[in-house]
Amino acid sequence: MAKLRFLTGKLEGKAYPLDKALILGRAPGIKGRIPDDAKVSREHSKIYRQGADFYIVDLNSRNGTLVNDAPVTRRILRDGDEVTIGETRFKFENPPPAPKAAPAEVKPKEQKPAFREVIDLTKTPEVKSAPAGALRMDEIVVKDRALQFSKVEGRKKPSALFDDMGQRPLLYQIGMGVIVLVLSVGFILLGLFLAGLLGGGE
């Protein structure tokens, strides 16, 4: 904060803050009252802020206002300027703000490269041979939503006689049983007939 510090007189070392406009003089009740100086007018000069700058204006005082020992009517104040009013001397203090520290540089975390699997579609994938005893793909058959296994080597199409009858529908099992029974009786009768013919021929 800018200040106007006393360099002489009974108030030497003390300072008026310049957060608002400040009138310097002997008049009682003003903020910048300068007592015990007969050469100071009742309202001698005024210091005010405009933007970032501070100005001092002489208020038609009897003995004038000096800045660095030069009489002024209106003048911008710089840090370290000395102001003289009557026999009282001040120093204007307005040091520039301290520069802000640069933020510490944050190094980005090292990122590992993303894993990418490249598949060459121009090459035919190698088909490994099945281990000994394993079924080949052509030996696994799905029939009527039931997985069937055929273990007859060299047979491409499944046969009703070699399929697992326990996984067939009941009507299918009965039908196959009737067929097998009829065929069996037929073979027996045929055998008896042939046996009779051979026996009668003797």
Protein backbone atom coordinates (compact mmCIF):
# COMPACT_ATOMS: atom_id res chain seq x y z
CA MET A 1 0.00 0.00 0.00
CA ALA A 2 1.24 3.50 -0.82
CA LYS A 3 2.16 5.74 2.15
CA LEU A 4 3.27 9.29 2.92
CA ARG A 5 5.87 9.07 5.68
CA PHE A 6 6.97 11.98 7.95
CA LEU A 7 10.68 12.79 7.69
CA THR A 8 10.68 15.76 10.09
CA GLY A 9 8.76 17.17 13.04
CA LYS A 10 7.08 15.50 16.01
CA LEU A 11 5.50 12.80 13.79
CA GLU A 12 8.80 11.72 12.23
CA GLY A 13 8.68 8.04 11.25
CA LYS A 14 4.88 7.84 11.17
CA ALA A 15 2.94 7.56 7.91
CA TYR A 16 -0.45 8.31 6.40
CA PRO A 17 -1.85 5.40 4.32
CA LEU A 18 -3.05 6.50 0.90
CA ASP A 19 -5.93 4.04 0.47
CA LYS A 20 -8.22 7.09 -0.02
CA ALA A 21 -7.74 10.69 -1.10
CA LEU A 22 -5.73 12.59 1.56
CA ILE A 23 -5.87 16.34 2.29
CA LEU A 24 -2.81 17.77 4.08
CA GLY A 25 -3.12 20.91 6.25
CA ARG A 26 -3.65 22.41 9.72
CA ALA A 27 -7.47 22.27 9.74
CA PRO A 28 -8.80 20.16 12.60
CA GLY A 29 -10.72 17.03 11.56
CA ILE A 30 -8.90 16.35 8.29
CA LYS A 31 -7.15 13.03 7.92
CA GLY A 32 -3.76 14.49 6.95
CA ARG A 33 -3.55 17.05 9.73
CA ILE A 34 -0.10 18.59 10.26
CA PRO A 35 0.04 20.21 13.71
CA ASP A 36 2.57 22.75 15.00
CA ASP A 37 3.61 24.09 11.56
CA ALA A 38 2.55 27.72 11.09
CA LYS A 39 3.65 27.78 7.45
CA VAL A 40 1.10 25.09 6.50
CA SER A 41 -2.29 26.31 5.25
CA ARG A 42 -5.53 24.92 6.65
CA GLU A 43 -6.01 22.82 3.49
CA HIS A 44 -2.60 22.94 1.90
CA SER A 45 -2.51 20.12 -0.72
CA LYS A 46 -4.28 16.95 -1.72
CA ILE A 47 -2.99 13.50 -2.73
CA TYR A 48 -5.33 11.21 -4.68
CA ARG A 49 -5.15 8.12 -6.80
CA GLN A 50 -6.09 7.91 -10.46
CA GLY A 51 -5.79 4.42 -11.92
CA ALA A 52 -2.45 3.02 -10.83
CA ASP A 53 -0.86 6.46 -10.30
CA PHE A 54 -0.88 8.90 -7.37
CA TYR A 55 -1.02 12.69 -7.86
CA ILE A 56 -0.39 15.64 -5.56
CA VAL A 57 -2.24 18.94 -6.14
CA ASP A 58 -1.56 22.25 -4.41
CA LEU A 59 -4.80 23.77 -3.05
CA ASN A 60 -3.75 27.41 -3.54
CA SER A 61 -1.68 27.26 -0.37
CA ARG A 62 0.12 30.32 1.02
CA ASN A 63 3.64 28.86 0.82
CA GLY A 64 3.18 26.36 -2.02
CA THR A 65 3.92 22.64 -2.36
CA LEU A 66 7.34 21.27 -3.26
CA VAL A 67 8.22 17.86 -4.75
CA ASN A 68 11.93 17.12 -4.62
CA ASP A 69 12.42 20.84 -3.77
CA ALA A 70 10.61 22.01 -6.93
CA PRO A 71 7.28 23.91 -6.65
CA VAL A 72 4.32 22.14 -8.24
CA THR A 73 0.62 22.75 -8.79
CA ARG A 74 -0.17 19.18 -9.90
CA ARG A 75 2.31 16.37 -10.29
CA ILE A 76 2.44 12.56 -10.41
CA LEU A 77 4.31 11.01 -7.49
CA ARG A 78 6.94 8.29 -7.85
CA ASP A 79 8.26 5.96 -5.20
CA GLY A 80 10.91 7.85 -3.19
CA ASP A 81 9.72 11.37 -4.05
CA GLU A 82 10.05 13.88 -1.17
CA VAL A 83 7.21 16.33 -0.56
CA THR A 84 7.68 19.59 1.42
CA ILE A 85 4.74 21.49 2.92
CA GLY A 86 5.72 24.50 5.01
CA GLU A 87 8.54 23.23 7.19
CA THR A 88 7.32 19.61 7.17
CA ARG A 89 8.91 17.09 4.86
CA PHE A 90 7.43 13.75 3.72
CA LYS A 91 8.56 10.77 1.65
CA PHE A 92 6.20 9.09 -0.82
CA GLU A 93 6.52 5.30 -0.63
CA ASN A 94 4.92 3.10 -3.26
CA PRO A 95 7.22 0.15 -4.02
CA PRO A 96 6.29 -1.95 -7.04
CA PRO A 97 4.59 -5.26 -6.23
CA ALA A 98 6.85 -8.25 -5.91
CA PRO A 99 6.86 -10.37 -9.06
CA LYS A 100 4.88 -13.54 -8.80
CA ALA A 101 6.91 -16.67 -8.65
CA ALA A 102 6.70 -18.70 -11.80
CA PRO A 103 4.80 -21.90 -11.26
CA ALA A 104 6.98 -24.94 -10.97
CA GLU A 105 7.20 -26.87 -14.18
CA VAL A 106 5.29 -30.09 -13.92
CA LYS A 107 6.82 -32.80 -15.97
CA PRO A 108 4.27 -34.99 -17.70
CA LYS A 109 4.21 -38.55 -16.57
CA GLU A 110 5.94 -40.93 -18.89
CA GLN A 111 3.33 -42.98 -20.62
CA LYS A 112 4.06 -46.45 -21.80
CA PRO A 113 3.07 -47.15 -25.40
CA ALA A 114 -0.25 -48.87 -25.72
CA PHE A 115 -0.03 -52.56 -26.60
CA ARG A 116 -1.17 -53.23 -30.11
CA GLU A 117 -1.58 -56.69 -31.55
CA VAL A 118 -1.16 -56.77 -35.29
CA ILE A 119 -2.81 -59.65 -37.11
CA ASP A 120 -1.71 -60.34 -40.66
CA LEU A 121 -4.86 -61.44 -42.49
CA THR A 122 -2.91 -62.40 -45.59
CA LYS A 123 -1.41 -65.42 -43.87
CA THR A 124 -3.36 -68.62 -43.32
CA PRO A 125 -3.39 -69.54 -39.64
CA GLU A 126 -1.52 -72.70 -38.83
CA VAL A 127 -3.83 -75.57 -37.88
CA LYS A 128 -2.32 -77.76 -35.22
CA SER A 129 -2.95 -81.47 -35.47
CA ALA A 130 -5.24 -82.96 -32.86
CA PRO A 131 -3.64 -85.12 -30.16
CA ALA A 132 -3.90 -88.88 -30.40
CA GLY A 133 -7.30 -90.23 -29.43
CA ALA A 134 -9.12 -86.89 -29.86
CA LEU A 135 -12.21 -86.66 -32.02
CA ARG A 136 -12.01 -84.86 -35.32
CA MET A 137 -14.45 -82.09 -36.21
CA ASP A 138 -16.23 -84.35 -38.70
CA GLU A 139 -16.86 -86.86 -35.91
CA ILE A 140 -18.94 -84.43 -33.81
CA VAL A 141 -22.54 -84.26 -35.03
CA VAL A 142 -25.43 -82.20 -33.66
CA LYS A 143 -28.79 -83.85 -34.28
CA ASP A 144 -32.16 -82.74 -32.91
CA ARG A 145 -30.39 -80.17 -30.67
CA ALA A 146 -28.45 -83.02 -28.98
CA LEU A 147 -24.72 -83.51 -29.31
CA GLN A 148 -23.95 -86.88 -30.85
CA PHE A 149 -20.59 -88.62 -31.10
CA SER A 150 -19.78 -91.05 -33.85
CA LYS A 151 -16.77 -93.26 -33.27
CA VAL A 152 -16.88 -95.22 -36.52
CA GLU A 153 -13.78 -94.36 -38.48
CA GLY A 154 -14.21 -93.38 -42.12
CA ARG A 155 -18.02 -92.88 -41.94
CA LYS A 156 -19.02 -89.39 -43.09
CA LYS A 157 -22.78 -89.53 -42.38
CA PRO A 158 -24.35 -90.64 -39.07
CA SER A 159 -26.56 -93.72 -39.06
CA ALA A 160 -29.73 -94.25 -37.07
CA LEU A 161 -28.44 -97.68 -35.96
CA PHE A 162 -25.25 -96.23 -34.54
CA ASP A 163 -26.69 -93.11 -32.90
CA ASP A 164 -27.37 -93.02 -29.18
CA MET A 165 -31.01 -94.14 -28.97
CA GLY A 166 -31.35 -92.78 -25.43
CA GLN A 167 -31.16 -89.23 -26.76
CA ARG A 168 -33.89 -89.82 -29.38
CA PRO A 169 -37.61 -88.96 -28.89
CA LEU A 170 -39.79 -91.72 -27.45
CA LEU A 171 -41.83 -92.24 -30.64
CA TYR A 172 -38.62 -92.57 -32.60
CA GLN A 173 -37.35 -95.22 -30.17
CA ILE A 174 -40.65 -97.18 -30.37
CA GLY A 175 -40.64 -97.03 -34.14
CA MET A 176 -37.05 -98.24 -34.34
CA GLY A 177 -37.87 -101.04 -31.85
CA VAL A 178 -40.83 -102.22 -33.99
CA ILE A 179 -38.66 -102.19 -37.10
CA VAL A 180 -35.93 -104.19 -35.39
CA LEU A 181 -38.52 -106.65 -34.01
CA VAL A 182 -40.18 -107.16 -37.43
CA LEU A 183 -36.80 -107.66 -39.07
CA SER A 184 -35.76 -110.14 -36.39
CA VAL A 185 -38.99 -112.19 -36.73
CA GLY A 186 -38.64 -112.07 -40.49
CA PHE A 187 -35.07 -113.38 -40.33
CA ILE A 188 -36.18 -116.18 -37.96
CA LEU A 189 -39.09 -117.26 -40.20
CA LEU A 190 -36.88 -117.10 -43.25
CA GLY A 191 -34.36 -119.30 -41.50
CA LEU A 192 -37.02 -121.86 -40.55
CA PHE A 193 -38.38 -121.85 -44.07
CA LEU A 194 -34.99 -122.44 -45.56
CA ALA A 195 -34.29 -125.15 -43.01
CA GLY A 196 -37.59 -126.94 -43.96
CA LEU A 197 -36.75 -126.87 -47.61
CA LEU A 198 -33.31 -128.28 -47.02
CA GLY A 199 -34.69 -130.96 -44.71
CA GLY A 200 -37.46 -131.97 -47.07
CA GLY A 201 -35.06 -132.32 -49.94
CA GLU A 202 -33.26 -135.22 -48.24
